[in-house]
Every structure is written in C-alpha cells, then in structure tokens.
Amino acid sequence: MSQKRFKLNTSILTLSILLFFIISTCKANNNPPSKHPSPPDKASFVSAKNPEYRLSLASNPSTGYHWYIVSYKPEFMRLASYQFDQPTSNKIGSGGQETWLFKLNPIAFKAPMLLKINMIYARPFELDKGEKHTFYIVTGE
C-alpha cells in the first residue's frame, strides 16, 4: 500500500509541475508586446517622392491579441495593404508581425502636415483594456 501511495504522490507532483510550466508559459505569451519599429508618439517623415508609410508591429494572434486601427484621416492617406507574417519559430504561442502599408494622397504634401494613426492592441472582447498607441507622420517635400 505504501508503494501505491508513493507512486500516486509522485504522479500528482509530476502533473502539478507540468501544469505550472504550461500555465506560466501561456501567461508569459499572453502579454501585449511593446516592440515598435520606432517608439510610438514619435514622428516618421514621409516625402512626396516616396509617399508610403509602412507600420510593422509585433503581434500574437494565438493569444487572441490583434492590432486594430482606431482612426486615421482617409482624406490624406489610404490603407493600401495589410498582412500578417507568421512567426519564424515553431514554438507554441510564438508571435509574428502585422504590417500595414499606407499610401499618402497628394493633398498630404500641399503643406507640411502632422498626421496620426491611432491603434489599439487588444482582444476583440477586451477592447477597453487594450494597449493604445498613436503613430505620427510628418509630411514634406
């Protein structure tokens, strides 16, 4: 009977340790990333010669998180494309990159302008708890 109890306790301990590592790994991958190509709230310069603005942000849809566009001025720019690049790692829960390409309209270069794109990184059912960022674009010749 003592041998059976020892095996049962060993099995429970092994399962508990395994469960702890699974839960801690999921929680670690559940946090929104803070990596941006340039810090949010700092401006990127876009010229009339190359009227494109590419925004690439770390993302982990496997946890339910996505970047969402909240607002931008469509009279000055349009969303030309969007893509999600899968993670290069085969690890479960690895994140990838979401990339948006905005093309600025000619009117955006009539005078120097400060344009902004408001984004939120959140789960669709927790938008009020999301990580909000503003990305600025300065236009010029």
C-alpha atoms as a PDB file:
ATOM      1  CA  MET A   1       0.000   0.000   0.000  1.00  0.00           C
ATOM      2  CA  SER A   2       2.884   2.355   0.751  1.00  0.00           C
ATOM      3  CA  GLN A   3       4.331   1.739  -2.735  1.00  0.00           C
ATOM      4  CA  LYS A   4       0.984   2.690  -4.364  1.00  0.00           C
ATOM      5  CA  ARG A   5       0.768   5.865  -2.278  1.00  0.00           C
ATOM      6  CA  PHE A   6       4.328   6.816  -3.267  1.00  0.00           C
ATOM      7  CA  LYS A   7       3.521   6.328  -6.991  1.00  0.00           C
ATOM      8  CA  LEU A   8       0.315   8.344  -6.623  1.00  0.00           C
ATOM      9  CA  ASN A   9       2.143  11.208  -4.851  1.00  0.00           C
ATOM     10  CA  THR A  10       4.895  11.151  -7.477  1.00  0.00           C
ATOM     11  CA  SER A  11       2.317  11.270 -10.270  1.00  0.00           C
ATOM     12  CA  ILE A  12       0.466  14.171  -8.632  1.00  0.00           C
ATOM     13  CA  LEU A  13       3.710  16.084  -8.117  1.00  0.00           C
ATOM     14  CA  THR A  14       4.797  15.489 -11.733  1.00  0.00           C
ATOM     15  CA  LEU A  15       1.412  16.627 -13.074  1.00  0.00           C
ATOM     16  CA  SER A  16       1.460  19.698 -10.818  1.00  0.00           C
ATOM     17  CA  ILE A  17       4.906  20.743 -12.050  1.00  0.00           C
ATOM     18  CA  LEU A  18       3.889  20.159 -15.672  1.00  0.00           C
ATOM     19  CA  LEU A  19       0.689  22.182 -15.188  1.00  0.00           C
ATOM     20  CA  PHE A  20       2.665  25.008 -13.549  1.00  0.00           C
ATOM     21  CA  PHE A  21       5.011  25.254 -16.551  1.00  0.00           C
ATOM     22  CA  ILE A  22       2.130  25.145 -19.043  1.00  0.00           C
ATOM     23  CA  ILE A  23       0.227  27.900 -17.218  1.00  0.00           C
ATOM     24  CA  SER A  24       3.300  30.103 -16.726  1.00  0.00           C
ATOM     25  CA  THR A  25       4.220  29.761 -20.422  1.00  0.00           C
ATOM     26  CA  CYS A  26       0.703  30.727 -21.514  1.00  0.00           C
ATOM     27  CA  LYS A  27       0.677  33.723 -19.216  1.00  0.00           C
ATOM     28  CA  ALA A  28       4.107  34.836 -20.442  1.00  0.00           C
ATOM     29  CA  ASN A  29       2.948  34.773 -24.078  1.00  0.00           C
ATOM     30  CA  ASN A  30      -0.337  36.462 -23.196  1.00  0.00           C
ATOM     31  CA  ASN A  31       1.142  39.905 -22.592  1.00  0.00           C
ATOM     32  CA  PRO A  32       0.924  42.523 -25.334  1.00  0.00           C
ATOM     33  CA  PRO A  33       4.319  43.204 -26.918  1.00  0.00           C
ATOM     34  CA  SER A  34       5.897  46.599 -26.561  1.00  0.00           C
ATOM     35  CA  LYS A  35       8.169  46.395 -29.613  1.00  0.00           C
ATOM     36  CA  HIS A  36       7.600  49.012 -32.292  1.00  0.00           C
ATOM     37  CA  PRO A  37       9.731  49.993 -35.303  1.00  0.00           C
ATOM     38  CA  SER A  38      10.180  53.388 -33.728  1.00  0.00           C
ATOM     39  CA  PRO A  39       8.755  54.462 -30.400  1.00  0.00           C
ATOM     40  CA  PRO A  40       5.093  55.363 -30.581  1.00  0.00           C
ATOM     41  CA  ASP A  41       4.332  59.043 -30.139  1.00  0.00           C
ATOM     42  CA  LYS A  42       7.412  59.962 -32.244  1.00  0.00           C
ATOM     43  CA  ALA A  43       7.030  61.058 -35.839  1.00  0.00           C
ATOM     44  CA  SER A  44       8.185  59.359 -39.031  1.00  0.00           C
ATOM     45  CA  PHE A  45       8.957  61.532 -42.063  1.00  0.00           C
ATOM     46  CA  VAL A  46       7.263  60.763 -45.401  1.00  0.00           C
ATOM     47  CA  SER A  47       8.199  62.648 -48.560  1.00  0.00           C
ATOM     48  CA  ALA A  48       6.234  63.294 -51.741  1.00  0.00           C
ATOM     49  CA  LYS A  49       8.915  61.319 -53.647  1.00  0.00           C
ATOM     50  CA  ASN A  50       8.007  58.129 -51.759  1.00  0.00           C
ATOM     51  CA  PRO A  51       4.502  58.711 -50.354  1.00  0.00           C
ATOM     52  CA  GLU A  52       4.285  55.459 -48.392  1.00  0.00           C
ATOM     53  CA  TYR A  53       4.244  54.721 -44.685  1.00  0.00           C
ATOM     54  CA  ARG A  54       4.808  51.128 -43.549  1.00  0.00           C
ATOM     55  CA  LEU A  55       3.896  50.191 -39.994  1.00  0.00           C
ATOM     56  CA  SER A  56       5.051  46.780 -38.688  1.00  0.00           C
ATOM     57  CA  LEU A  57       4.148  45.718 -35.177  1.00  0.00           C
ATOM     58  CA  ALA A  58       4.797  42.583 -33.153  1.00  0.00           C
ATOM     59  CA  SER A  59       1.601  40.613 -32.679  1.00  0.00           C
ATOM     60  CA  ASN A  60       0.461  37.329 -31.190  1.00  0.00           C
ATOM     61  CA  PRO A  61      -2.965  36.298 -32.514  1.00  0.00           C
ATOM     62  CA  SER A  62      -2.611  32.848 -30.906  1.00  0.00           C
ATOM     63  CA  THR A  63      -3.430  34.567 -27.596  1.00  0.00           C
ATOM     64  CA  GLY A  64      -6.353  36.473 -29.086  1.00  0.00           C
ATOM     65  CA  TYR A  65      -4.485  39.783 -29.385  1.00  0.00           C
ATOM     66  CA  HIS A  66      -4.553  41.797 -32.605  1.00  0.00           C
ATOM     67  CA  TRP A  67      -3.702  45.329 -33.597  1.00  0.00           C
ATOM     68  CA  TYR A  68      -6.766  47.314 -34.642  1.00  0.00           C
ATOM     69  CA  ILE A  69      -6.836  50.630 -36.467  1.00  0.00           C
ATOM     70  CA  VAL A  70      -8.923  53.028 -34.394  1.00  0.00           C
ATOM     71  CA  SER A  71      -8.649  56.087 -36.620  1.00  0.00           C
ATOM     72  CA  TYR A  72      -6.715  57.932 -39.313  1.00  0.00           C
ATOM     73  CA  LYS A  73      -7.575  60.658 -41.845  1.00  0.00           C
ATOM     74  CA  PRO A  74      -8.651  58.928 -45.099  1.00  0.00           C
ATOM     75  CA  GLU A  75      -8.605  62.245 -46.967  1.00  0.00           C
ATOM     76  CA  PHE A  76      -4.807  62.331 -46.505  1.00  0.00           C
ATOM     77  CA  MET A  77      -3.943  58.613 -46.724  1.00  0.00           C
ATOM     78  CA  ARG A  78      -5.416  55.261 -47.618  1.00  0.00           C
ATOM     79  CA  LEU A  79      -4.719  51.766 -46.428  1.00  0.00           C
ATOM     80  CA  ALA A  80      -3.078  50.029 -49.402  1.00  0.00           C
ATOM     81  CA  SER A  81      -2.390  46.632 -47.846  1.00  0.00           C
ATOM     82  CA  TYR A  82      -2.304  44.564 -44.684  1.00  0.00           C
ATOM     83  CA  GLN A  83      -0.562  41.283 -43.952  1.00  0.00           C
ATOM     84  CA  PHE A  84       0.309  39.054 -41.030  1.00  0.00           C
ATOM     85  CA  ASP A  85       3.691  37.335 -41.148  1.00  0.00           C
ATOM     86  CA  GLN A  86       3.740  34.061 -39.241  1.00  0.00           C
ATOM     87  CA  PRO A  87       6.390  33.566 -36.577  1.00  0.00           C
ATOM     88  CA  THR A  88       9.690  32.114 -37.719  1.00  0.00           C
ATOM     89  CA  SER A  89       9.788  29.976 -34.578  1.00  0.00           C
ATOM     90  CA  ASN A  90       7.878  26.709 -34.294  1.00  0.00           C
ATOM     91  CA  LYS A  91       7.279  27.267 -30.585  1.00  0.00           C
ATOM     92  CA  ILE A  92       3.661  27.195 -29.481  1.00  0.00           C
ATOM     93  CA  GLY A  93       2.399  30.710 -28.777  1.00  0.00           C
ATOM     94  CA  SER A  94       5.110  32.463 -30.789  1.00  0.00           C
ATOM     95  CA  GLY A  95       4.113  35.830 -32.186  1.00  0.00           C
ATOM     96  CA  GLY A  96       4.547  37.267 -35.637  1.00  0.00           C
ATOM     97  CA  GLN A  97       4.304  40.681 -37.322  1.00  0.00           C
ATOM     98  CA  GLU A  98       1.296  42.628 -38.524  1.00  0.00           C
ATOM     99  CA  THR A  99       2.154  45.095 -41.298  1.00  0.00           C
ATOM    100  CA  TRP A 100       0.084  47.894 -42.801  1.00  0.00           C
ATOM    101  CA  LEU A 101       1.066  49.911 -45.847  1.00  0.00           C
ATOM    102  CA  PHE A 102      -0.484  53.366 -46.078  1.00  0.00           C
ATOM    103  CA  LYS A 103      -0.221  55.440 -49.255  1.00  0.00           C
ATOM    104  CA  LEU A 104      -0.425  59.171 -48.725  1.00  0.00           C
ATOM    105  CA  ASN A 105      -2.595  61.205 -51.081  1.00  0.00           C
ATOM    106  CA  PRO A 106      -1.106  64.200 -52.962  1.00  0.00           C
ATOM    107  CA  ILE A 107      -3.071  66.613 -50.767  1.00  0.00           C
ATOM    108  CA  ALA A 108      -0.943  65.485 -47.795  1.00  0.00           C
ATOM    109  CA  PHE A 109       2.031  67.277 -49.394  1.00  0.00           C
ATOM    110  CA  LYS A 110       0.384  70.627 -50.226  1.00  0.00           C
ATOM    111  CA  ALA A 111       1.821  71.916 -46.948  1.00  0.00           C
ATOM    112  CA  PRO A 112       3.840  70.313 -44.135  1.00  0.00           C
ATOM    113  CA  MET A 113       1.439  68.226 -42.051  1.00  0.00           C
ATOM    114  CA  LEU A 114       1.396  66.152 -38.919  1.00  0.00           C
ATOM    115  CA  LEU A 115      -0.856  63.141 -39.445  1.00  0.00           C
ATOM    116  CA  LYS A 116      -1.624  60.390 -36.981  1.00  0.00           C
ATOM    117  CA  ILE A 117      -2.795  56.797 -36.916  1.00  0.00           C
ATOM    118  CA  ASN A 118      -4.422  55.628 -33.684  1.00  0.00           C
ATOM    119  CA  MET A 119      -4.083  51.907 -32.970  1.00  0.00           C
ATOM    120  CA  ILE A 120      -5.026  49.560 -30.149  1.00  0.00           C
ATOM    121  CA  TYR A 121      -3.563  46.153 -29.307  1.00  0.00           C
ATOM    122  CA  ALA A 122      -6.262  44.104 -27.644  1.00  0.00           C
ATOM    123  CA  ARG A 123      -8.512  41.105 -27.728  1.00  0.00           C
ATOM    124  CA  PRO A 124     -11.801  41.767 -29.512  1.00  0.00           C
ATOM    125  CA  PHE A 125     -13.737  41.115 -26.294  1.00  0.00           C
ATOM    126  CA  GLU A 126     -11.460  43.392 -24.181  1.00  0.00           C
ATOM    127  CA  LEU A 127     -11.069  46.496 -26.344  1.00  0.00           C
ATOM    128  CA  ASP A 128     -11.482  48.762 -23.313  1.00  0.00           C
ATOM    129  CA  LYS A 129      -8.399  47.147 -21.710  1.00  0.00           C
ATOM    130  CA  GLY A 130      -6.186  47.355 -24.797  1.00  0.00           C
ATOM    131  CA  GLU A 131      -2.792  48.996 -25.239  1.00  0.00           C
ATOM    132  CA  LYS A 132      -3.360  52.246 -27.162  1.00  0.00           C
ATOM    133  CA  HIS A 133      -0.711  53.891 -29.345  1.00  0.00           C
ATOM    134  CA  THR A 134      -0.559  56.836 -31.701  1.00  0.00           C
ATOM    135  CA  PHE A 135       1.828  56.815 -34.658  1.00  0.00           C
ATOM    136  CA  TYR A 136       2.689  60.200 -36.185  1.00  0.00           C
ATOM    137  CA  ILE A 137       3.642  61.004 -39.754  1.00  0.00           C
ATOM    138  CA  VAL A 138       5.253  64.291 -40.802  1.00  0.00           C
ATOM    139  CA  THR A 139       4.884  65.131 -44.498  1.00  0.00           C
ATOM    140  CA  GLY A 140       7.230  67.221 -46.604  1.00  0.00           C
ATOM    141  CA  GLU A 141       8.872  67.614 -49.995  1.00  0.00           C
END
